[in-house]
Amino acid sequence: MTWTGPRLPSATAIIPALDEERSIGAVLGAIPRDIVTEVIVVDGGSADGTAAVAAAHGATVMSEPRRGYGRACALGAAAAHGEALVFLDADGAADPREIAGLLAPIARNEADLVLGSRLTGAMAAGAMPWHQRVGNRLSALLLRLLYGLPVTDLGPFRAVRRASLAGMALDDETYGWPTEMIVKAARARWRVAEVPVNWRPRTGGRSKISGTVRGTLLATFHILWTIARHSRT
């Protein structure tokens, strides 16, 4: 998309990746480089050619062989230089061409953290299994009840001011890291906004988390526990 609003902040895209050779090239190719000035791919010990494909597409590739989604995100954030950080996955479900829309509330000085809502955007058939939808709705409901945060989705596609995130202590090294960011932002009274984003089926293979009912249940339990425990601290 062509952006005609206020100046967008310089942005670093941070992409945790594990065995995403089949999808990461298209993801990187779709990132608008007139908006995103830096792309960091954090490879979590892939057994395929993920790192080589990322490097061939001009990304800075960092290695984090210890497993953990949060650990990979934190490593990328610590190395970033952009005024804003955009987090997205390497599986092709998010459309990088929507990054300008994520950055817009920050550019208008309306938000410190912007969440891409898959549930208010266009959801392609098969893009989110029913058990993932249920877990996501429960998590969003708990955020509204405990924190008064009117969000609909806890999706990974998001933008945040780098300076704000640098001052936030995030402890979760797993897939609870994005949720911990939201609850600590709410406690710190950050301005949190949502924008609708389109969501597509992932490219190739089954999700490491939402690909099974068991994996989704474990992830949902961990996310709900993250939300609940920080409400008491």
C-alpha atoms as a PDB file:
ATOM      1  CA  MET A   1       0.000   0.000   0.000  1.00  0.00           C
ATOM      2  CA  THR A   2       1.079   3.609  -0.567  1.00  0.00           C
ATOM      3  CA  TRP A   3       1.172   5.576   2.678  1.00  0.00           C
ATOM      4  CA  THR A   4      -0.014   9.184   2.496  1.00  0.00           C
ATOM      5  CA  GLY A   5      -0.482   9.978   6.194  1.00  0.00           C
ATOM      6  CA  PRO A   6       1.978  11.424   8.741  1.00  0.00           C
ATOM      7  CA  ARG A   7       5.595  10.282   8.687  1.00  0.00           C
ATOM      8  CA  LEU A   8       5.845   6.676   9.730  1.00  0.00           C
ATOM      9  CA  PRO A   9       8.516   5.833  12.297  1.00  0.00           C
ATOM     10  CA  SER A  10      11.565   4.025  10.996  1.00  0.00           C
ATOM     11  CA  ALA A  11      10.812   0.355  11.529  1.00  0.00           C
ATOM     12  CA  THR A  12      12.661  -2.871  12.148  1.00  0.00           C
ATOM     13  CA  ALA A  13      10.850  -6.089  11.274  1.00  0.00           C
ATOM     14  CA  ILE A  14      11.695  -8.968  13.613  1.00  0.00           C
ATOM     15  CA  ILE A  15      10.871 -12.479  12.427  1.00  0.00           C
ATOM     16  CA  PRO A  16      11.479 -15.540  14.627  1.00  0.00           C
ATOM     17  CA  ALA A  17      11.872 -18.574  12.390  1.00  0.00           C
ATOM     18  CA  LEU A  18      12.266 -22.312  12.822  1.00  0.00           C
ATOM     19  CA  ASP A  19      12.283 -24.588   9.779  1.00  0.00           C
ATOM     20  CA  GLU A  20      10.379 -22.137   7.567  1.00  0.00           C
ATOM     21  CA  GLU A  21      12.430 -22.491   4.382  1.00  0.00           C
ATOM     22  CA  ARG A  22       9.282 -22.937   2.281  1.00  0.00           C
ATOM     23  CA  SER A  23       7.617 -19.704   3.387  1.00  0.00           C
ATOM     24  CA  ILE A  24      10.164 -17.180   4.601  1.00  0.00           C
ATOM     25  CA  GLY A  25      11.330 -16.066   1.163  1.00  0.00           C
ATOM     26  CA  ALA A  26       7.847 -14.887   0.178  1.00  0.00           C
ATOM     27  CA  VAL A  27       7.394 -13.190   3.556  1.00  0.00           C
ATOM     28  CA  LEU A  28      10.630 -11.259   3.204  1.00  0.00           C
ATOM     29  CA  GLY A  29       9.886 -10.406  -0.411  1.00  0.00           C
ATOM     30  CA  ALA A  30       6.560  -8.818   0.571  1.00  0.00           C
ATOM     31  CA  ILE A  31       7.997  -6.532   3.267  1.00  0.00           C
ATOM     32  CA  PRO A  32       7.744  -2.890   2.085  1.00  0.00           C
ATOM     33  CA  ARG A  33      11.359  -1.781   2.276  1.00  0.00           C
ATOM     34  CA  ASP A  34      10.450   1.876   1.819  1.00  0.00           C
ATOM     35  CA  ILE A  35       8.814   1.602   5.260  1.00  0.00           C
ATOM     36  CA  VAL A  36      10.883  -1.102   6.950  1.00  0.00           C
ATOM     37  CA  THR A  37      14.511  -0.020   7.064  1.00  0.00           C
ATOM     38  CA  GLU A  38      15.856  -3.128   8.809  1.00  0.00           C
ATOM     39  CA  VAL A  39      14.820  -6.798   8.789  1.00  0.00           C
ATOM     40  CA  ILE A  40      16.095  -9.218  11.426  1.00  0.00           C
ATOM     41  CA  VAL A  41      15.407 -12.934  11.184  1.00  0.00           C
ATOM     42  CA  VAL A  42      16.185 -14.876  14.345  1.00  0.00           C
ATOM     43  CA  ASP A  43      16.775 -18.490  13.413  1.00  0.00           C
ATOM     44  CA  GLY A  44      15.972 -20.909  16.209  1.00  0.00           C
ATOM     45  CA  GLY A  45      18.238 -23.731  15.085  1.00  0.00           C
ATOM     46  CA  SER A  46      16.509 -24.670  11.836  1.00  0.00           C
ATOM     47  CA  ALA A  47      17.405 -27.988  10.252  1.00  0.00           C
ATOM     48  CA  ASP A  48      16.538 -26.716   6.773  1.00  0.00           C
ATOM     49  CA  GLY A  49      17.685 -23.756   4.679  1.00  0.00           C
ATOM     50  CA  THR A  50      15.728 -21.064   6.552  1.00  0.00           C
ATOM     51  CA  ALA A  51      18.813 -19.011   7.444  1.00  0.00           C
ATOM     52  CA  ALA A  52      20.277 -19.179   3.930  1.00  0.00           C
ATOM     53  CA  VAL A  53      17.007 -18.107   2.300  1.00  0.00           C
ATOM     54  CA  ALA A  54      16.649 -15.225   4.757  1.00  0.00           C
ATOM     55  CA  ALA A  55      20.195 -14.017   4.088  1.00  0.00           C
ATOM     56  CA  ALA A  56      19.634 -14.260   0.331  1.00  0.00           C
ATOM     57  CA  HIS A  57      16.652 -11.922   0.717  1.00  0.00           C
ATOM     58  CA  GLY A  58      18.751  -9.280   2.474  1.00  0.00           C
ATOM     59  CA  ALA A  59      17.771  -9.964   6.078  1.00  0.00           C
ATOM     60  CA  THR A  60      20.180  -9.799   8.981  1.00  0.00           C
ATOM     61  CA  VAL A  61      20.191 -13.351  10.314  1.00  0.00           C
ATOM     62  CA  MET A  62      20.817 -13.986  13.995  1.00  0.00           C
ATOM     63  CA  SER A  63      21.169 -17.455  15.488  1.00  0.00           C
ATOM     64  CA  GLU A  64      19.441 -18.485  18.711  1.00  0.00           C
ATOM     65  CA  PRO A  65      19.748 -22.272  18.922  1.00  0.00           C
ATOM     66  CA  ARG A  66      17.985 -22.408  22.284  1.00  0.00           C
ATOM     67  CA  ARG A  67      14.306 -22.991  21.644  1.00  0.00           C
ATOM     68  CA  GLY A  68      11.789 -20.377  22.743  1.00  0.00           C
ATOM     69  CA  TYR A  69       9.642 -17.932  20.788  1.00  0.00           C
ATOM     70  CA  GLY A  70      10.094 -15.205  23.390  1.00  0.00           C
ATOM     71  CA  ARG A  71      13.833 -15.722  23.519  1.00  0.00           C
ATOM     72  CA  ALA A  72      14.045 -15.221  19.739  1.00  0.00           C
ATOM     73  CA  CYS A  73      11.861 -12.088  19.813  1.00  0.00           C
ATOM     74  CA  ALA A  74      13.892 -10.575  22.646  1.00  0.00           C
ATOM     75  CA  LEU A  75      17.180 -11.205  20.861  1.00  0.00           C
ATOM     76  CA  GLY A  76      15.911  -9.490  17.726  1.00  0.00           C
ATOM     77  CA  ALA A  77      14.519  -6.553  19.688  1.00  0.00           C
ATOM     78  CA  ALA A  78      17.824  -6.013  21.501  1.00  0.00           C
ATOM     79  CA  ALA A  79      19.672  -5.767  18.171  1.00  0.00           C
ATOM     80  CA  ALA A  80      17.139  -3.528  16.393  1.00  0.00           C
ATOM     81  CA  HIS A  81      17.676   0.129  15.509  1.00  0.00           C
ATOM     82  CA  GLY A  82      14.238   1.250  14.278  1.00  0.00           C
ATOM     83  CA  GLU A  83      12.029   3.690  16.142  1.00  0.00           C
ATOM     84  CA  ALA A  84       9.323   1.023  15.994  1.00  0.00           C
ATOM     85  CA  LEU A  85       9.546  -2.749  16.032  1.00  0.00           C
ATOM     86  CA  VAL A  86       7.226  -4.888  13.936  1.00  0.00           C
ATOM     87  CA  PHE A  87       6.908  -8.535  14.944  1.00  0.00           C
ATOM     88  CA  LEU A  88       5.599 -11.100  12.499  1.00  0.00           C
ATOM     89  CA  ASP A  89       5.959 -14.823  11.957  1.00  0.00           C
ATOM     90  CA  ALA A  90       7.770 -16.518   9.104  1.00  0.00           C
ATOM     91  CA  ASP A  91       4.930 -18.858   8.114  1.00  0.00           C
ATOM     92  CA  GLY A  92       3.208 -16.570   5.610  1.00  0.00           C
ATOM     93  CA  ALA A  93      -0.065 -16.192   7.533  1.00  0.00           C
ATOM     94  CA  ALA A  94       0.356 -12.427   7.990  1.00  0.00           C
ATOM     95  CA  ASP A  95       0.570 -10.061   5.030  1.00  0.00           C
ATOM     96  CA  PRO A  96       3.673  -7.857   5.411  1.00  0.00           C
ATOM     97  CA  ARG A  97       2.097  -5.315   3.067  1.00  0.00           C
ATOM     98  CA  GLU A  98      -0.119  -4.314   6.010  1.00  0.00           C
ATOM     99  CA  ILE A  99       2.816  -3.088   8.093  1.00  0.00           C
ATOM    100  CA  ALA A 100       2.000   0.557   7.308  1.00  0.00           C
ATOM    101  CA  GLY A 101      -1.432   0.067   8.861  1.00  0.00           C
ATOM    102  CA  LEU A 102       0.154  -1.271  12.034  1.00  0.00           C
ATOM    103  CA  LEU A 103       2.510   1.680  12.245  1.00  0.00           C
ATOM    104  CA  ALA A 104      -0.164   4.302  11.539  1.00  0.00           C
ATOM    105  CA  PRO A 105      -1.473   4.699  15.145  1.00  0.00           C
ATOM    106  CA  ILE A 106       2.125   5.146  16.333  1.00  0.00           C
ATOM    107  CA  ALA A 107       2.765   7.720  13.601  1.00  0.00           C
ATOM    108  CA  ARG A 108      -0.368   9.617  14.707  1.00  0.00           C
ATOM    109  CA  ASN A 109       0.860   9.452  18.326  1.00  0.00           C
ATOM    110  CA  GLU A 110      -2.264   7.503  19.301  1.00  0.00           C
ATOM    111  CA  ALA A 111      -0.632   4.285  20.505  1.00  0.00           C
ATOM    112  CA  ASP A 112       2.501   2.757  21.969  1.00  0.00           C
ATOM    113  CA  LEU A 113       1.539  -0.820  21.081  1.00  0.00           C
ATOM    114  CA  VAL A 114      -0.567  -1.804  18.076  1.00  0.00           C
ATOM    115  CA  LEU A 115      -2.023  -5.289  17.742  1.00  0.00           C
ATOM    116  CA  GLY A 116      -3.083  -6.749  14.424  1.00  0.00           C
ATOM    117  CA  SER A 117      -6.539  -8.235  14.982  1.00  0.00           C
ATOM    118  CA  ARG A 118      -7.166 -11.316  12.886  1.00  0.00           C
ATOM    119  CA  LEU A 119     -10.732 -11.558  14.139  1.00  0.00           C
ATOM    120  CA  THR A 120     -11.792  -8.107  12.914  1.00  0.00           C
ATOM    121  CA  GLY A 121      -9.961  -8.460   9.593  1.00  0.00           C
ATOM    122  CA  ALA A 122     -10.538 -10.861   6.716  1.00  0.00           C
ATOM    123  CA  MET A 123      -9.921 -14.438   7.808  1.00  0.00           C
ATOM    124  CA  ALA A 124      -9.330 -16.876   4.953  1.00  0.00           C
ATOM    125  CA  ALA A 125     -10.894 -20.322   5.202  1.00  0.00           C
ATOM    126  CA  GLY A 126      -8.674 -22.654   7.200  1.00  0.00           C
ATOM    127  CA  ALA A 127      -6.423 -19.873   8.455  1.00  0.00           C
ATOM    128  CA  MET A 128      -7.293 -20.387  12.132  1.00  0.00           C
ATOM    129  CA  PRO A 129      -8.507 -23.748  13.508  1.00  0.00           C
ATOM    130  CA  TRP A 130     -11.628 -23.672  15.672  1.00  0.00           C
ATOM    131  CA  HIS A 131      -9.702 -24.639  18.817  1.00  0.00           C
ATOM    132  CA  GLN A 132      -7.309 -21.737  18.298  1.00  0.00           C
ATOM    133  CA  ARG A 133     -10.263 -19.351  17.874  1.00  0.00           C
ATOM    134  CA  VAL A 134     -11.801 -20.558  21.155  1.00  0.00           C
ATOM    135  CA  GLY A 135      -8.545 -20.183  23.068  1.00  0.00           C
ATOM    136  CA  ASN A 136      -7.932 -16.762  21.603  1.00  0.00           C
ATOM    137  CA  ARG A 137     -11.412 -15.523  22.516  1.00  0.00           C
ATOM    138  CA  LEU A 138     -11.003 -16.777  26.090  1.00  0.00           C
ATOM    139  CA  SER A 139      -7.679 -14.983  26.399  1.00  0.00           C
ATOM    140  CA  ALA A 140      -9.089 -11.722  25.017  1.00  0.00           C
ATOM    141  CA  LEU A 141     -12.055 -11.971  27.394  1.00  0.00           C
ATOM    142  CA  LEU A 142      -9.734 -12.372  30.375  1.00  0.00           C
ATOM    143  CA  LEU A 143      -7.738  -9.323  29.287  1.00  0.00           C
ATOM    144  CA  ARG A 144     -10.943  -7.294  29.183  1.00  0.00           C
ATOM    145  CA  LEU A 145     -12.101  -8.514  32.591  1.00  0.00           C
ATOM    146  CA  LEU A 146      -8.804  -8.216  34.470  1.00  0.00           C
ATOM    147  CA  TYR A 147      -7.195  -5.234  32.754  1.00  0.00           C
ATOM    148  CA  GLY A 148     -10.055  -3.372  31.099  1.00  0.00           C
ATOM    149  CA  LEU A 149      -8.263  -3.775  27.783  1.00  0.00           C
ATOM    150  CA  PRO A 150     -10.830  -3.951  24.940  1.00  0.00           C
ATOM    151  CA  VAL A 151      -8.874  -6.223  22.607  1.00  0.00           C
ATOM    152  CA  THR A 152     -10.266  -8.947  20.369  1.00  0.00           C
ATOM    153  CA  ASP A 153      -7.081 -10.819  19.519  1.00  0.00           C
ATOM    154  CA  LEU A 154      -3.647 -11.699  20.901  1.00  0.00           C
ATOM    155  CA  GLY A 155      -2.046 -12.217  17.527  1.00  0.00           C
ATOM    156  CA  PRO A 156       1.723 -12.113  16.926  1.00  0.00           C
ATOM    157  CA  PHE A 157       1.566  -9.478  14.140  1.00  0.00           C
ATOM    158  CA  ARG A 158       2.121  -6.215  16.009  1.00  0.00           C
ATOM    159  CA  ALA A 159       4.092  -2.976  16.246  1.00  0.00           C
ATOM    160  CA  VAL A 160       5.563  -1.305  19.320  1.00  0.00           C
ATOM    161  CA  ARG A 161       7.722   1.706  20.074  1.00  0.00           C
ATOM    162  CA  ARG A 162      11.268   0.426  20.549  1.00  0.00           C
ATOM    163  CA  ALA A 163      12.062   2.851  23.370  1.00  0.00           C
ATOM    164  CA  SER A 164       8.969   1.750  25.285  1.00  0.00           C
ATOM    165  CA  LEU A 165       9.720  -1.946  24.866  1.00  0.00           C
ATOM    166  CA  ALA A 166      13.341  -1.434  25.923  1.00  0.00           C
ATOM    167  CA  GLY A 167      12.103  -0.235  29.309  1.00  0.00           C
ATOM    168  CA  MET A 168       9.867  -3.266  29.838  1.00  0.00           C
ATOM    169  CA  ALA A 169      11.172  -6.368  31.597  1.00  0.00           C
ATOM    170  CA  LEU A 170       9.782  -9.453  29.853  1.00  0.00           C
ATOM    171  CA  ASP A 171      10.578 -12.791  31.473  1.00  0.00           C
ATOM    172  CA  ASP A 172       8.705 -15.340  29.385  1.00  0.00           C
ATOM    173  CA  GLU A 173      11.013 -17.059  26.917  1.00  0.00           C
ATOM    174  CA  THR A 174       8.266 -19.112  25.258  1.00  0.00           C
ATOM    175  CA  TYR A 175       5.127 -18.379  23.230  1.00  0.00           C
ATOM    176  CA  GLY A 176       3.756 -16.469  26.253  1.00  0.00           C
ATOM    177  CA  TRP A 177       6.121 -13.568  25.489  1.00  0.00           C
ATOM    178  CA  PRO A 178       3.662 -11.664  23.245  1.00  0.00           C
ATOM    179  CA  THR A 179       0.934 -12.011  25.903  1.00  0.00           C
ATOM    180  CA  GLU A 180       3.255 -10.835  28.646  1.00  0.00           C
ATOM    181  CA  MET A 181       3.962  -7.757  26.532  1.00  0.00           C
ATOM    182  CA  ILE A 182       0.240  -6.978  26.378  1.00  0.00           C
ATOM    183  CA  VAL A 183      -0.479  -7.418  30.090  1.00  0.00           C
ATOM    184  CA  LYS A 184       2.562  -5.416  31.164  1.00  0.00           C
ATOM    185  CA  ALA A 185       1.620  -2.696  28.685  1.00  0.00           C
ATOM    186  CA  ALA A 186      -1.842  -2.578  30.249  1.00  0.00           C
ATOM    187  CA  ARG A 187      -0.381  -2.355  33.763  1.00  0.00           C
ATOM    188  CA  ALA A 188       1.959   0.429  32.641  1.00  0.00           C
ATOM    189  CA  ARG A 189      -1.001   2.268  31.082  1.00  0.00           C
ATOM    190  CA  TRP A 190       0.400   2.216  27.595  1.00  0.00           C
ATOM    191  CA  ARG A 191      -1.917   3.227  24.822  1.00  0.00           C
ATOM    192  CA  VAL A 192      -2.862  -0.055  23.157  1.00  0.00           C
ATOM    193  CA  ALA A 193      -4.665  -0.037  19.821  1.00  0.00           C
ATOM    194  CA  GLU A 194      -5.940  -2.673  17.427  1.00  0.00           C
ATOM    195  CA  VAL A 195      -6.112  -2.567  13.651  1.00  0.00           C
ATOM    196  CA  PRO A 196      -7.761  -5.250  11.476  1.00  0.00           C
ATOM    197  CA  VAL A 197      -5.374  -7.459   9.517  1.00  0.00           C
ATOM    198  CA  ASN A 198      -5.961 -10.166   6.949  1.00  0.00           C
ATOM    199  CA  TRP A 199      -4.988 -13.722   7.857  1.00  0.00           C
ATOM    200  CA  ARG A 200      -4.161 -16.604   5.555  1.00  0.00           C
ATOM    201  CA  PRO A 201      -3.391 -20.310   6.006  1.00  0.00           C
ATOM    202  CA  ARG A 202       0.276 -20.794   6.785  1.00  0.00           C
ATOM    203  CA  THR A 203       2.516 -21.798   3.893  1.00  0.00           C
ATOM    204  CA  GLY A 204       3.510 -25.431   4.068  1.00  0.00           C
ATOM    205  CA  GLY A 205       3.388 -27.787   7.006  1.00  0.00           C
ATOM    206  CA  ARG A 206       1.485 -27.709  10.252  1.00  0.00           C
ATOM    207  CA  SER A 207       1.813 -25.049  12.929  1.00  0.00           C
ATOM    208  CA  LYS A 208       4.122 -26.019  15.778  1.00  0.00           C
ATOM    209  CA  ILE A 209       1.526 -24.733  18.278  1.00  0.00           C
ATOM    210  CA  SER A 210      -1.951 -24.518  16.751  1.00  0.00           C
ATOM    211  CA  GLY A 211      -1.516 -27.495  14.454  1.00  0.00           C
ATOM    212  CA  THR A 212      -3.021 -29.871  17.030  1.00  0.00           C
ATOM    213  CA  VAL A 213      -5.747 -29.579  19.648  1.00  0.00           C
ATOM    214  CA  ARG A 214      -3.264 -30.645  22.326  1.00  0.00           C
ATOM    215  CA  GLY A 215      -0.745 -28.002  21.295  1.00  0.00           C
ATOM    216  CA  THR A 216      -3.414 -25.310  21.273  1.00  0.00           C
ATOM    217  CA  LEU A 217      -4.729 -26.348  24.701  1.00  0.00           C
ATOM    218  CA  LEU A 218      -1.244 -26.210  26.200  1.00  0.00           C
ATOM    219  CA  ALA A 219      -0.578 -22.829  24.602  1.00  0.00           C
ATOM    220  CA  THR A 220      -3.942 -21.469  25.754  1.00  0.00           C
ATOM    221  CA  PHE A 221      -3.344 -22.641  29.313  1.00  0.00           C
ATOM    222  CA  HIS A 222       0.069 -20.981  29.349  1.00  0.00           C
ATOM    223  CA  ILE A 223      -1.341 -17.739  27.929  1.00  0.00           C
ATOM    224  CA  LEU A 224      -4.252 -17.665  30.386  1.00  0.00           C
ATOM    225  CA  TRP A 225      -1.844 -18.296  33.260  1.00  0.00           C
ATOM    226  CA  THR A 226       0.381 -15.451  32.051  1.00  0.00           C
ATOM    227  CA  ILE A 227      -2.609 -13.109  31.995  1.00  0.00           C
ATOM    228  CA  ALA A 228      -3.827 -14.183  35.438  1.00  0.00           C
ATOM    229  CA  ARG A 229      -0.530 -14.184  37.294  1.00  0.00           C
ATOM    230  CA  HIS A 230       0.433 -10.667  36.251  1.00  0.00           C
ATOM    231  CA  SER A 231      -2.927  -9.345  37.420  1.00  0.00           C
ATOM    232  CA  ARG A 232      -1.875 -10.139  40.996  1.00  0.00           C
ATOM    233  CA  THR A 233       1.619  -8.643  40.905  1.00  0.00           C
END
